[in-house]
């Protein structure tokens, strides 16, 4: 099995992870759910539409 070295730029790793999650969600047709400023947000990455969820809708 071939091993490859992977280097991470810690200054941009958050943006890299976000880009990966968005591309994966778009490909799979999934929504992205995250917390921002104490609010739970559900985003459709294909349209960019954001919906603020109530705490009972979190799961």
C-alpha atoms as a PDB file:
ATOM      1  CA  UNK A   1       0.000   0.000   0.000  1.00  0.00           C
ATOM      2  CA  UNK A   2       1.428   3.341  -1.040  1.00  0.00           C
ATOM      3  CA  UNK A   3       1.697   6.037   1.602  1.00  0.00           C
ATOM      4  CA  UNK A   4       1.412   9.703   0.765  1.00  0.00           C
ATOM      5  CA  UNK A   5       2.335  12.666   2.879  1.00  0.00           C
ATOM      6  CA  UNK A   6      -0.433  15.203   3.334  1.00  0.00           C
ATOM      7  CA  UNK A   7       0.371  18.739   4.413  1.00  0.00           C
ATOM      8  CA  UNK A   8      -2.259  20.951   5.993  1.00  0.00           C
ATOM      9  CA  UNK A   9      -2.116  24.718   6.093  1.00  0.00           C
ATOM     10  CA  UNK A  10      -3.614  25.408   9.521  1.00  0.00           C
ATOM     11  CA  UNK A  11      -4.528  28.975   8.521  1.00  0.00           C
ATOM     12  CA  UNK A  12      -6.915  27.765   5.806  1.00  0.00           C
ATOM     13  CA  UNK A  13      -7.959  24.326   7.020  1.00  0.00           C
ATOM     14  CA  UNK A  14     -11.390  25.585   8.146  1.00  0.00           C
ATOM     15  CA  UNK A  15     -12.124  26.932   4.671  1.00  0.00           C
ATOM     16  CA  UNK A  16     -10.856  23.713   3.083  1.00  0.00           C
ATOM     17  CA  UNK A  17     -13.126  21.587   5.275  1.00  0.00           C
ATOM     18  CA  UNK A  18     -16.090  23.872   4.560  1.00  0.00           C
ATOM     19  CA  UNK A  19     -15.484  23.605   0.808  1.00  0.00           C
ATOM     20  CA  UNK A  20     -15.272  19.808   1.044  1.00  0.00           C
ATOM     21  CA  UNK A  21     -18.497  19.551   3.075  1.00  0.00           C
ATOM     22  CA  UNK A  22     -20.340  21.849   0.664  1.00  0.00           C
ATOM     23  CA  UNK A  23     -19.184  19.944  -2.425  1.00  0.00           C
ATOM     24  CA  UNK A  24     -20.084  16.609  -0.840  1.00  0.00           C
ATOM     25  CA  UNK A  25     -23.535  17.826   0.259  1.00  0.00           C
ATOM     26  CA  UNK A  26     -24.214  19.247  -3.198  1.00  0.00           C
ATOM     27  CA  UNK A  27     -23.253  15.980  -4.859  1.00  0.00           C
ATOM     28  CA  UNK A  28     -25.345  13.869  -2.467  1.00  0.00           C
ATOM     29  CA  UNK A  29     -28.325  16.232  -2.399  1.00  0.00           C
ATOM     30  CA  UNK A  30     -28.008  16.757   1.355  1.00  0.00           C
ATOM     31  CA  UNK A  31     -28.590  19.751   3.576  1.00  0.00           C
ATOM     32  CA  UNK A  32     -25.942  21.320   5.799  1.00  0.00           C
ATOM     33  CA  UNK A  33     -26.987  21.974   9.405  1.00  0.00           C
ATOM     34  CA  UNK A  34     -24.775  24.138  11.599  1.00  0.00           C
ATOM     35  CA  UNK A  35     -24.897  26.533  14.509  1.00  0.00           C
ATOM     36  CA  UNK A  36     -24.100  30.200  13.969  1.00  0.00           C
ATOM     37  CA  UNK A  37     -24.486  32.941  16.575  1.00  0.00           C
ATOM     38  CA  UNK A  38     -26.533  30.622  18.800  1.00  0.00           C
ATOM     39  CA  UNK A  39     -29.020  29.798  16.019  1.00  0.00           C
ATOM     40  CA  UNK A  40     -29.343  26.451  14.272  1.00  0.00           C
ATOM     41  CA  UNK A  41     -29.286  26.931  10.502  1.00  0.00           C
ATOM     42  CA  UNK A  42     -30.226  24.435   7.785  1.00  0.00           C
ATOM     43  CA  UNK A  43     -28.779  25.362   4.392  1.00  0.00           C
ATOM     44  CA  UNK A  44     -29.432  23.948   0.952  1.00  0.00           C
ATOM     45  CA  UNK A  45     -26.005  24.161  -0.745  1.00  0.00           C
ATOM     46  CA  UNK A  46     -27.539  23.949  -4.235  1.00  0.00           C
ATOM     47  CA  UNK A  47     -29.691  27.072  -3.836  1.00  0.00           C
ATOM     48  CA  UNK A  48     -28.019  28.814  -0.894  1.00  0.00           C
ATOM     49  CA  UNK A  49     -31.374  29.043   0.889  1.00  0.00           C
ATOM     50  CA  UNK A  50     -30.987  29.175   4.671  1.00  0.00           C
ATOM     51  CA  UNK A  51     -33.681  28.242   7.195  1.00  0.00           C
ATOM     52  CA  UNK A  52     -33.457  28.909  10.926  1.00  0.00           C
ATOM     53  CA  UNK A  53     -34.631  25.818  12.803  1.00  0.00           C
ATOM     54  CA  UNK A  54     -36.431  25.732  16.111  1.00  0.00           C
ATOM     55  CA  UNK A  55     -34.719  23.713  18.843  1.00  0.00           C
ATOM     56  CA  UNK A  56     -37.351  20.947  18.473  1.00  0.00           C
ATOM     57  CA  UNK A  57     -36.431  20.552  14.762  1.00  0.00           C
ATOM     58  CA  UNK A  58     -32.733  20.134  15.487  1.00  0.00           C
ATOM     59  CA  UNK A  59     -32.549  16.350  15.100  1.00  0.00           C
END
